[in-house]
PDB file of N, CA and C in Angstrom:
ATOM      1  N   MET A   1      -0.685  10.033  -3.450  1.00  0.00           N
ATOM      2  CA  MET A   1      -1.913   9.711  -3.946  1.00  0.00           C
ATOM      3  C   MET A   1      -2.739  10.966  -3.908  1.00  0.00           C
ATOM      4  N   LYS A   2      -2.585  11.914  -2.840  1.00  0.00           N
ATOM      5  CA  LYS A   2      -3.417  13.202  -2.879  1.00  0.00           C
ATOM      6  C   LYS A   2      -2.819  14.071  -3.945  1.00  0.00           C
ATOM      7  N   THR A   3      -1.519  14.042  -4.225  1.00  0.00           N
ATOM      8  CA  THR A   3      -0.867  15.020  -5.226  1.00  0.00           C
ATOM      9  C   THR A   3      -1.487  14.530  -6.694  1.00  0.00           C
ATOM     10  N   ILE A   4      -1.811  13.359  -7.019  1.00  0.00           N
ATOM     11  CA  ILE A   4      -2.376  13.019  -8.163  1.00  0.00           C
ATOM     12  C   ILE A   4      -3.823  13.125  -8.189  1.00  0.00           C
ATOM     13  N   PHE A   5      -4.498  12.500  -7.264  1.00  0.00           N
ATOM     14  CA  PHE A   5      -6.015  12.614  -7.355  1.00  0.00           C
ATOM     15  C   PHE A   5      -6.870  13.567  -6.534  1.00  0.00           C
ATOM     16  N   GLY A   6      -5.961  14.306  -5.607  1.00  0.00           N
ATOM     17  CA  GLY A   6      -6.668  15.155  -4.609  1.00  0.00           C
ATOM     18  C   GLY A   6      -7.255  16.328  -5.170  1.00  0.00           C
ATOM     19  N   GLU A   7      -8.348  16.624  -4.594  1.00  0.00           N
ATOM     20  CA  GLU A   7      -9.216  17.669  -4.996  1.00  0.00           C
ATOM     21  C   GLU A   7      -9.413  18.922  -3.874  1.00  0.00           C
ATOM     22  N   PRO A   8      -9.092  19.952  -4.203  1.00  0.00           N
ATOM     23  CA  PRO A   8      -9.413  20.931  -2.963  1.00  0.00           C
ATOM     24  C   PRO A   8     -10.940  21.090  -2.429  1.00  0.00           C
ATOM     25  N   LYS A   9     -10.976  21.061  -1.096  1.00  0.00           N
ATOM     26  CA  LYS A   9     -12.239  21.037  -0.638  1.00  0.00           C
ATOM     27  C   LYS A   9     -12.574  22.524  -0.621  1.00  0.00           C
ATOM     28  N   LEU A  10     -14.132  22.631  -1.104  1.00  0.00           N
ATOM     29  CA  LEU A  10     -14.578  23.914  -1.365  1.00  0.00           C
ATOM     30  C   LEU A  10     -15.077  24.568  -0.073  1.00  0.00           C
ATOM     31  N   ARG A  11     -14.878  25.905  -0.098  1.00  0.00           N
ATOM     32  CA  ARG A  11     -15.242  26.784   1.010  1.00  0.00           C
ATOM     33  C   ARG A  11     -16.558  26.926   0.996  1.00  0.00           C
ATOM     34  N   LYS A  12     -17.413  27.512   2.130  1.00  0.00           N
ATOM     35  CA  LYS A  12     -18.698  27.937   1.897  1.00  0.00           C
ATOM     36  C   LYS A  12     -19.034  28.767   0.790  1.00  0.00           C
ATOM     37  N   ASP A  13     -18.080  29.762   0.520  1.00  0.00           N
ATOM     38  CA  ASP A  13     -18.327  30.703  -0.716  1.00  0.00           C
ATOM     39  C   ASP A  13     -18.022  29.989  -1.909  1.00  0.00           C
ATOM     40  N   GLY A  14     -17.754  28.702  -2.219  1.00  0.00           N
ATOM     41  CA  GLY A  14     -17.373  27.908  -3.245  1.00  0.00           C
ATOM     42  C   GLY A  14     -16.248  28.220  -3.726  1.00  0.00           C
ATOM     43  N   SER A  15     -15.204  28.865  -3.154  1.00  0.00           N
ATOM     44  CA  SER A  15     -13.794  28.741  -3.451  1.00  0.00           C
ATOM     45  C   SER A  15     -12.951  27.609  -3.239  1.00  0.00           C
ATOM     46  N   PRO A  16     -11.966  27.330  -3.763  1.00  0.00           N
ATOM     47  CA  PRO A  16     -11.230  26.148  -3.211  1.00  0.00           C
ATOM     48  C   PRO A  16     -10.487  26.408  -1.872  1.00  0.00           C
ATOM     49  N   GLY A  17     -10.433  25.560  -1.088  1.00  0.00           N
ATOM     50  CA  GLY A  17      -9.707  25.752   0.010  1.00  0.00           C
ATOM     51  C   GLY A  17      -8.323  25.129   0.046  1.00  0.00           C
ATOM     52  N   ARG A  18      -7.666  25.154   1.359  1.00  0.00           N
ATOM     53  CA  ARG A  18      -6.283  24.541   1.283  1.00  0.00           C
ATOM     54  C   ARG A  18      -6.346  23.064   1.540  1.00  0.00           C
ATOM     55  N   THR A  19      -7.405  22.453   2.312  1.00  0.00           N
ATOM     56  CA  THR A  19      -7.622  21.160   2.420  1.00  0.00           C
ATOM     57  C   THR A  19      -7.735  20.343   1.204  1.00  0.00           C
ATOM     58  N   VAL A  20      -7.154  19.194   1.156  1.00  0.00           N
ATOM     59  CA  VAL A  20      -7.155  18.491  -0.222  1.00  0.00           C
ATOM     60  C   VAL A  20      -7.866  17.140   0.346  1.00  0.00           C
ATOM     61  N   GLU A  21      -8.880  16.777  -0.520  1.00  0.00           N
ATOM     62  CA  GLU A  21      -9.614  15.619  -0.319  1.00  0.00           C
ATOM     63  C   GLU A  21      -9.474  14.708  -1.373  1.00  0.00           C
ATOM     64  N   LEU A  22      -9.582  13.323  -1.064  1.00  0.00           N
ATOM     65  CA  LEU A  22      -9.421  12.393  -2.177  1.00  0.00           C
ATOM     66  C   LEU A  22     -10.943  11.753  -2.497  1.00  0.00           C
ATOM     67  N   PRO A  23     -11.156  11.741  -3.892  1.00  0.00           N
ATOM     68  CA  PRO A  23     -12.513  11.277  -4.236  1.00  0.00           C
ATOM     69  C   PRO A  23     -12.637   9.948  -3.763  1.00  0.00           C
ATOM     70  N   PRO A  24     -13.884   9.173  -3.707  1.00  0.00           N
ATOM     71  CA  PRO A  24     -13.858   7.811  -3.412  1.00  0.00           C
ATOM     72  C   PRO A  24     -13.086   6.912  -4.398  1.00  0.00           C
ATOM     73  N   VAL A  25     -12.599   5.919  -3.984  1.00  0.00           N
ATOM     74  CA  VAL A  25     -11.786   4.904  -4.846  1.00  0.00           C
ATOM     75  C   VAL A  25     -12.656   4.420  -5.961  1.00  0.00           C
ATOM     76  N   LEU A  26     -13.964   4.346  -5.883  1.00  0.00           N
ATOM     77  CA  LEU A  26     -14.769   3.409  -6.852  1.00  0.00           C
ATOM     78  C   LEU A  26     -14.916   4.689  -7.913  1.00  0.00           C
ATOM     79  N   THR A  27     -14.899   5.901  -7.668  1.00  0.00           N
ATOM     80  CA  THR A  27     -14.947   7.147  -8.711  1.00  0.00           C
ATOM     81  C   THR A  27     -13.571   7.309  -9.265  1.00  0.00           C
ATOM     82  N   LEU A  28     -12.556   6.842  -8.543  1.00  0.00           N
ATOM     83  CA  LEU A  28     -11.207   7.018  -9.143  1.00  0.00           C
ATOM     84  C   LEU A  28     -11.158   5.882 -10.239  1.00  0.00           C
ATOM     85  N   GLN A  29     -11.556   4.704  -9.892  1.00  0.00           N
ATOM     86  CA  GLN A  29     -11.419   3.517 -10.620  1.00  0.00           C
ATOM     87  C   GLN A  29     -12.304   3.689 -11.918  1.00  0.00           C
ATOM     88  N   THR A  30     -13.641   4.110 -11.796  1.00  0.00           N
ATOM     89  CA  THR A  30     -14.429   4.212 -13.014  1.00  0.00           C
ATOM     90  C   THR A  30     -14.659   5.451 -13.750  1.00  0.00           C
ATOM     91  N   SER A  31     -14.289   6.537 -13.358  1.00  0.00           N
ATOM     92  CA  SER A  31     -14.349   7.925 -14.106  1.00  0.00           C
ATOM     93  C   SER A  31     -13.464   7.778 -15.150  1.00  0.00           C
ATOM     94  N   PRO A  32     -13.933   8.106 -16.328  1.00  0.00           N
ATOM     95  CA  PRO A  32     -13.105   8.269 -17.573  1.00  0.00           C
ATOM     96  C   PRO A  32     -11.942   9.433 -17.349  1.00  0.00           C
ATOM     97  N   LEU A  33     -12.172  10.472 -16.481  1.00  0.00           N
ATOM     98  CA  LEU A  33     -11.269  11.213 -16.317  1.00  0.00           C
ATOM     99  C   LEU A  33     -10.054  10.795 -15.468  1.00  0.00           C
ATOM    100  N   THR A  34     -10.226   9.873 -14.439  1.00  0.00           N
ATOM    101  CA  THR A  34      -9.117   9.417 -13.615  1.00  0.00           C
ATOM    102  C   THR A  34      -8.746   8.169 -13.929  1.00  0.00           C
ATOM    103  N   ARG A  35      -9.377   7.275 -14.578  1.00  0.00           N
ATOM    104  CA  ARG A  35      -9.253   5.861 -14.723  1.00  0.00           C
ATOM    105  C   ARG A  35      -7.711   5.631 -15.321  1.00  0.00           C
ATOM    106  N   PRO A  36      -7.378   6.303 -16.375  1.00  0.00           N
ATOM    107  CA  PRO A  36      -5.777   6.040 -16.927  1.00  0.00           C
ATOM    108  C   PRO A  36      -4.843   6.312 -15.778  1.00  0.00           C
ATOM    109  N   ASP A  37      -4.885   7.446 -15.071  1.00  0.00           N
ATOM    110  CA  ASP A  37      -3.953   7.758 -14.062  1.00  0.00           C
ATOM    111  C   ASP A  37      -3.965   6.686 -12.831  1.00  0.00           C
ATOM    112  N   TRP A  38      -5.210   6.115 -12.529  1.00  0.00           N
ATOM    113  CA  TRP A  38      -5.536   5.302 -11.589  1.00  0.00           C
ATOM    114  C   TRP A  38      -4.822   3.922 -11.991  1.00  0.00           C
ATOM    115  N   ILE A  39      -4.847   3.405 -13.233  1.00  0.00           N
ATOM    116  CA  ILE A  39      -4.499   2.225 -13.545  1.00  0.00           C
ATOM    117  C   ILE A  39      -2.678   2.583 -13.369  1.00  0.00           C
ATOM    118  N   GLN A  40      -2.258   3.503 -14.095  1.00  0.00           N
ATOM    119  CA  GLN A  40      -0.853   3.875 -13.910  1.00  0.00           C
ATOM    120  C   GLN A  40      -0.334   3.988 -12.594  1.00  0.00           C
ATOM    121  N   TYR A  41      -0.782   4.350 -11.663  1.00  0.00           N
ATOM    122  CA  TYR A  41      -0.620   4.656 -10.182  1.00  0.00           C
ATOM    123  C   TYR A  41      -0.710   3.138  -9.379  1.00  0.00           C
ATOM    124  N   SER A  42      -1.794   2.472  -9.897  1.00  0.00           N
ATOM    125  CA  SER A  42      -1.973   1.024  -9.169  1.00  0.00           C
ATOM    126  C   SER A  42      -0.697   0.105  -9.754  1.00  0.00           C
ATOM    127  N   VAL A  43      -0.206   0.232 -10.966  1.00  0.00           N
ATOM    128  CA  VAL A  43       0.771  -0.550 -11.451  1.00  0.00           C
ATOM    129  C   VAL A  43       2.090  -0.171 -10.834  1.00  0.00           C
ATOM    130  N   PHE A  44       2.315   1.158 -10.871  1.00  0.00           N
ATOM    131  CA  PHE A  44       3.373   1.754 -10.410  1.00  0.00           C
ATOM    132  C   PHE A  44       3.599   1.211  -8.816  1.00  0.00           C
ATOM    133  N   ASP A  45       2.557   1.028  -7.784  1.00  0.00           N
ATOM    134  CA  ASP A  45       2.460   0.801  -6.577  1.00  0.00           C
ATOM    135  C   ASP A  45       2.788  -0.642  -6.421  1.00  0.00           C
ATOM    136  N   ALA A  46       2.191  -1.522  -7.418  1.00  0.00           N
ATOM    137  CA  ALA A  46       2.475  -3.115  -7.184  1.00  0.00           C
ATOM    138  C   ALA A  46       3.858  -3.347  -7.772  1.00  0.00           C
ATOM    139  N   LYS A  47       4.386  -2.818  -8.618  1.00  0.00           N
ATOM    140  CA  LYS A  47       5.849  -3.081  -9.218  1.00  0.00           C
ATOM    141  C   LYS A  47       6.811  -2.501  -8.029  1.00  0.00           C
ATOM    142  N   GLY A  48       6.509  -1.269  -7.325  1.00  0.00           N
ATOM    143  CA  GLY A  48       7.329  -0.956  -6.411  1.00  0.00           C
ATOM    144  C   GLY A  48       7.329  -1.751  -5.153  1.00  0.00           C
ATOM    145  N   THR A  49       6.261  -2.478  -4.884  1.00  0.00           N
ATOM    146  CA  THR A  49       6.123  -3.343  -3.803  1.00  0.00           C
ATOM    147  C   THR A  49       6.916  -4.613  -3.932  1.00  0.00           C
ATOM    148  N   TRP A  50       6.628  -5.061  -5.257  1.00  0.00           N
ATOM    149  CA  TRP A  50       7.372  -6.427  -5.775  1.00  0.00           C
ATOM    150  C   TRP A  50       8.809  -6.245  -5.794  1.00  0.00           C
ATOM    151  N   LEU A  51       9.299  -5.057  -6.248  1.00  0.00           N
ATOM    152  CA  LEU A  51      10.647  -4.692  -6.109  1.00  0.00           C
ATOM    153  C   LEU A  51      11.302  -4.734  -4.820  1.00  0.00           C
ATOM    154  N   LEU A  52      10.752  -4.147  -3.912  1.00  0.00           N
ATOM    155  CA  LEU A  52      11.039  -4.012  -2.540  1.00  0.00           C
ATOM    156  C   LEU A  52      11.023  -5.264  -1.922  1.00  0.00           C
ATOM    157  N   TYR A  53      10.108  -6.010  -2.075  1.00  0.00           N
ATOM    158  CA  TYR A  53      10.198  -7.633  -1.703  1.00  0.00           C
ATOM    159  C   TYR A  53      11.416  -8.295  -2.194  1.00  0.00           C
ATOM    160  N   ARG A  54      11.597  -8.233  -3.413  1.00  0.00           N
ATOM    161  CA  ARG A  54      12.711  -9.106  -4.050  1.00  0.00           C
ATOM    162  C   ARG A  54      14.058  -8.535  -3.465  1.00  0.00           C
ATOM    163  N   GLN A  55      14.178  -7.077  -3.191  1.00  0.00           N
ATOM    164  CA  GLN A  55      15.446  -6.668  -2.460  1.00  0.00           C
ATOM    165  C   GLN A  55      15.450  -7.152  -0.942  1.00  0.00           C
ATOM    166  N   LEU A  56      14.572  -6.976  -0.086  1.00  0.00           N
ATOM    167  CA  LEU A  56      14.636  -7.532   0.966  1.00  0.00           C
ATOM    168  C   LEU A  56      14.776  -9.043   1.345  1.00  0.00           C
ATOM    169  N   GLU A  57      14.154  -9.798   0.240  1.00  0.00           N
ATOM    170  CA  GLU A  57      14.509 -11.224   0.427  1.00  0.00           C
ATOM    171  C   GLU A  57      15.911 -11.371   0.050  1.00  0.00           C
ATOM    172  N   ALA A  58      16.639 -10.862  -0.934  1.00  0.00           N
ATOM    173  CA  ALA A  58      18.015 -11.197  -1.024  1.00  0.00           C
ATOM    174  C   ALA A  58      18.764 -10.649  -0.010  1.00  0.00           C
ATOM    175  N   ARG A  59      18.556  -9.653   0.848  1.00  0.00           N
ATOM    176  CA  ARG A  59      19.182  -9.328   1.825  1.00  0.00           C
ATOM    177  C   ARG A  59      19.045 -10.254   2.948  1.00  0.00           C
ATOM    178  N   LEU A  60      17.878 -10.705   3.174  1.00  0.00           N
ATOM    179  CA  LEU A  60      17.542 -11.575   4.449  1.00  0.00           C
ATOM    180  C   LEU A  60      18.131 -12.836   4.123  1.00  0.00           C
ATOM    181  N   VAL A  61      18.093 -13.355   3.005  1.00  0.00           N
ATOM    182  CA  VAL A  61      18.787 -14.772   2.556  1.00  0.00           C
ATOM    183  C   VAL A  61      20.238 -14.757   2.946  1.00  0.00           C
ATOM    184  N   GLN A  62      20.760 -13.660   2.910  1.00  0.00           N
ATOM    185  CA  GLN A  62      22.477 -13.430   3.274  1.00  0.00           C
ATOM    186  C   GLN A  62      22.685 -13.383   4.709  1.00  0.00           C
ATOM    187  N   LEU A  63      21.670 -13.201   5.509  1.00  0.00           N
ATOM    188  CA  LEU A  63      21.764 -13.118   6.989  1.00  0.00           C
ATOM    189  C   LEU A  63      21.561 -14.256   7.712  1.00  0.00           C
ATOM    190  N   ASP A  64      22.491 -14.738   8.443  1.00  0.00           N
ATOM    191  CA  ASP A  64      22.046 -16.182   9.273  1.00  0.00           C
ATOM    192  C   ASP A  64      21.196 -15.746  10.423  1.00  0.00           C
ATOM    193  N   TRP A  65      20.311 -16.932  10.590  1.00  0.00           N
ATOM    194  CA  TRP A  65      19.466 -16.810  11.777  1.00  0.00           C
ATOM    195  C   TRP A  65      19.818 -17.885  12.769  1.00  0.00           C
ATOM    196  N   GLN A  66      19.440 -19.189  12.556  1.00  0.00           N
ATOM    197  CA  GLN A  66      20.100 -20.218  13.669  1.00  0.00           C
ATOM    198  C   GLN A  66      19.908 -21.509  12.878  1.00  0.00           C
ATOM    199  N   GLN A  67      20.794 -22.341  13.452  1.00  0.00           N
ATOM    200  CA  GLN A  67      20.722 -23.730  12.600  1.00  0.00           C
ATOM    201  C   GLN A  67      20.952 -23.703  11.278  1.00  0.00           C
ATOM    202  N   GLY A  68      21.752 -23.171  10.705  1.00  0.00           N
ATOM    203  CA  GLY A  68      21.890 -22.924   9.175  1.00  0.00           C
ATOM    204  C   GLY A  68      20.848 -22.358   8.618  1.00  0.00           C
ATOM    205  N   GLN A  69      19.757 -21.708   9.160  1.00  0.00           N
ATOM    206  CA  GLN A  69      18.740 -21.085   8.466  1.00  0.00           C
ATOM    207  C   GLN A  69      18.960 -19.666   8.285  1.00  0.00           C
ATOM    208  N   ASP A  70      18.593 -19.076   7.409  1.00  0.00           N
ATOM    209  CA  ASP A  70      18.535 -17.484   7.134  1.00  0.00           C
ATOM    210  C   ASP A  70      17.403 -16.719   7.658  1.00  0.00           C
ATOM    211  N   LEU A  71      17.447 -15.503   7.785  1.00  0.00           N
ATOM    212  CA  LEU A  71      16.380 -14.686   8.231  1.00  0.00           C
ATOM    213  C   LEU A  71      15.216 -14.634   7.347  1.00  0.00           C
ATOM    214  N   PHE A  72      15.175 -14.898   6.016  1.00  0.00           N
ATOM    215  CA  PHE A  72      14.089 -15.056   5.079  1.00  0.00           C
ATOM    216  C   PHE A  72      13.451 -16.154   5.510  1.00  0.00           C
ATOM    217  N   THR A  73      13.832 -17.272   6.098  1.00  0.00           N
ATOM    218  CA  THR A  73      13.127 -18.304   6.621  1.00  0.00           C
ATOM    219  C   THR A  73      12.251 -18.000   7.879  1.00  0.00           C
ATOM    220  N   PHE A  74      12.962 -17.196   8.687  1.00  0.00           N
ATOM    221  CA  PHE A  74      12.355 -16.691   9.915  1.00  0.00           C
ATOM    222  C   PHE A  74      11.146 -15.812   9.543  1.00  0.00           C
ATOM    223  N   TYR A  75      11.441 -14.752   8.632  1.00  0.00           N
ATOM    224  CA  TYR A  75      10.334 -14.009   8.048  1.00  0.00           C
ATOM    225  C   TYR A  75       8.965 -14.843   7.642  1.00  0.00           C
ATOM    226  N   LYS A  76       9.390 -15.791   6.795  1.00  0.00           N
ATOM    227  CA  LYS A  76       8.323 -16.661   6.136  1.00  0.00           C
ATOM    228  C   LYS A  76       7.581 -17.421   7.160  1.00  0.00           C
ATOM    229  N   GLY A  77       8.399 -17.929   8.297  1.00  0.00           N
ATOM    230  CA  GLY A  77       7.947 -18.761   9.344  1.00  0.00           C
ATOM    231  C   GLY A  77       7.027 -17.904  10.505  1.00  0.00           C
ATOM    232  N   TYR A  78       7.433 -16.875  10.753  1.00  0.00           N
ATOM    233  CA  TYR A  78       7.028 -16.082  11.923  1.00  0.00           C
ATOM    234  C   TYR A  78       6.427 -14.773  11.481  1.00  0.00           C
ATOM    235  N   TRP A  79       7.009 -13.723  10.956  1.00  0.00           N
ATOM    236  CA  TRP A  79       6.407 -12.480  10.754  1.00  0.00           C
ATOM    237  C   TRP A  79       5.398 -12.450   9.706  1.00  0.00           C
ATOM    238  N   ARG A  80       5.571 -13.089   8.644  1.00  0.00           N
ATOM    239  CA  ARG A  80       4.459 -13.043   7.664  1.00  0.00           C
ATOM    240  C   ARG A  80       3.266 -13.802   8.229  1.00  0.00           C
ATOM    241  N   PRO A  81       3.131 -14.869   8.835  1.00  0.00           N
ATOM    242  CA  PRO A  81       1.929 -15.299   9.575  1.00  0.00           C
ATOM    243  C   PRO A  81       1.434 -14.228  10.625  1.00  0.00           C
ATOM    244  N   PHE A  82       2.252 -13.775  11.409  1.00  0.00           N
ATOM    245  CA  PHE A  82       1.730 -12.811  12.410  1.00  0.00           C
ATOM    246  C   PHE A  82       1.100 -11.438  11.732  1.00  0.00           C
ATOM    247  N   GLY A  83       1.679 -11.032  10.778  1.00  0.00           N
ATOM    248  CA  GLY A  83       1.121  -9.779   9.750  1.00  0.00           C
ATOM    249  C   GLY A  83      -0.353 -10.320   9.182  1.00  0.00           C
ATOM    250  N   GLU A  84      -0.362 -11.442   8.806  1.00  0.00           N
ATOM    251  CA  GLU A  84      -1.752 -12.072   8.291  1.00  0.00           C
ATOM    252  C   GLU A  84      -2.591 -12.160   9.491  1.00  0.00           C
ATOM    253  N   LEU A  85      -2.200 -12.625  10.640  1.00  0.00           N
ATOM    254  CA  LEU A  85      -3.051 -12.763  11.759  1.00  0.00           C
ATOM    255  C   LEU A  85      -3.762 -11.199  12.105  1.00  0.00           C
ATOM    256  N   LEU A  86      -2.643 -10.484  12.084  1.00  0.00           N
ATOM    257  CA  LEU A  86      -3.109  -8.963  12.609  1.00  0.00           C
ATOM    258  C   LEU A  86      -4.147  -8.399  11.605  1.00  0.00           C
ATOM    259  N   THR A  87      -3.850  -8.590  10.246  1.00  0.00           N
ATOM    260  CA  THR A  87      -4.733  -8.165   9.132  1.00  0.00           C
ATOM    261  C   THR A  87      -6.195  -8.853   9.421  1.00  0.00           C
ATOM    262  N   GLU A  88      -6.154 -10.094   9.745  1.00  0.00           N
ATOM    263  CA  GLU A  88      -7.514 -10.777   9.897  1.00  0.00           C
ATOM    264  C   GLU A  88      -8.207 -10.186  11.166  1.00  0.00           C
ATOM    265  N   MET A  89      -7.526  -9.992  12.174  1.00  0.00           N
ATOM    266  CA  MET A  89      -8.086  -9.417  13.394  1.00  0.00           C
ATOM    267  C   MET A  89      -8.668  -8.046  13.022  1.00  0.00           C
ATOM    268  N   GLU A  90      -8.164  -7.132  12.320  1.00  0.00           N
ATOM    269  CA  GLU A  90      -8.517  -5.809  12.142  1.00  0.00           C
ATOM    270  C   GLU A  90      -9.704  -5.952  11.076  1.00  0.00           C
ATOM    271  N   ARG A  91      -9.731  -6.976  10.159  1.00  0.00           N
ATOM    272  CA  ARG A  91     -10.815  -7.179   9.309  1.00  0.00           C
ATOM    273  C   ARG A  91     -12.097  -7.648  10.112  1.00  0.00           C
ATOM    274  N   ASN A  92     -11.772  -8.276  11.124  1.00  0.00           N
ATOM    275  CA  ASN A  92     -12.983  -8.776  12.136  1.00  0.00           C
ATOM    276  C   ASN A  92     -13.529  -7.729  13.219  1.00  0.00           C
ATOM    277  N   GLY A  93     -12.759  -6.661  12.903  1.00  0.00           N
ATOM    278  CA  GLY A  93     -13.069  -5.652  14.071  1.00  0.00           C
ATOM    279  C   GLY A  93     -12.525  -5.725  15.523  1.00  0.00           C
ATOM    280  N   VAL A  94     -11.564  -6.538  15.527  1.00  0.00           N
ATOM    281  CA  VAL A  94     -10.954  -6.723  16.839  1.00  0.00           C
ATOM    282  C   VAL A  94     -10.051  -5.642  17.191  1.00  0.00           C
ATOM    283  N   MET A  95      -9.442  -4.997  16.299  1.00  0.00           N
ATOM    284  CA  MET A  95      -8.451  -3.711  16.518  1.00  0.00           C
ATOM    285  C   MET A  95      -9.148  -2.604  16.117  1.00  0.00           C
TER     286      MET A  95
END
């Protein structure tokens, strides 16, 4: 993300420094200069996540867990709810 949207932090003398900073997300989403790249980046990220999910699902379905169930069933029943719980805890400031 820094490669696409990063801007060098300016030194005290006004010259660009080595540190790269990201503009606020709202700026990336709404600026006419960055909006097309932001949309492309977002779509690429969502598509990549979806393809990864489908690959992992296909692999987990092939692995036995217990009592005739597969590891994808285990993931849906335990790991995904646990991840949602951790996300909710973080959102509420517990972590």
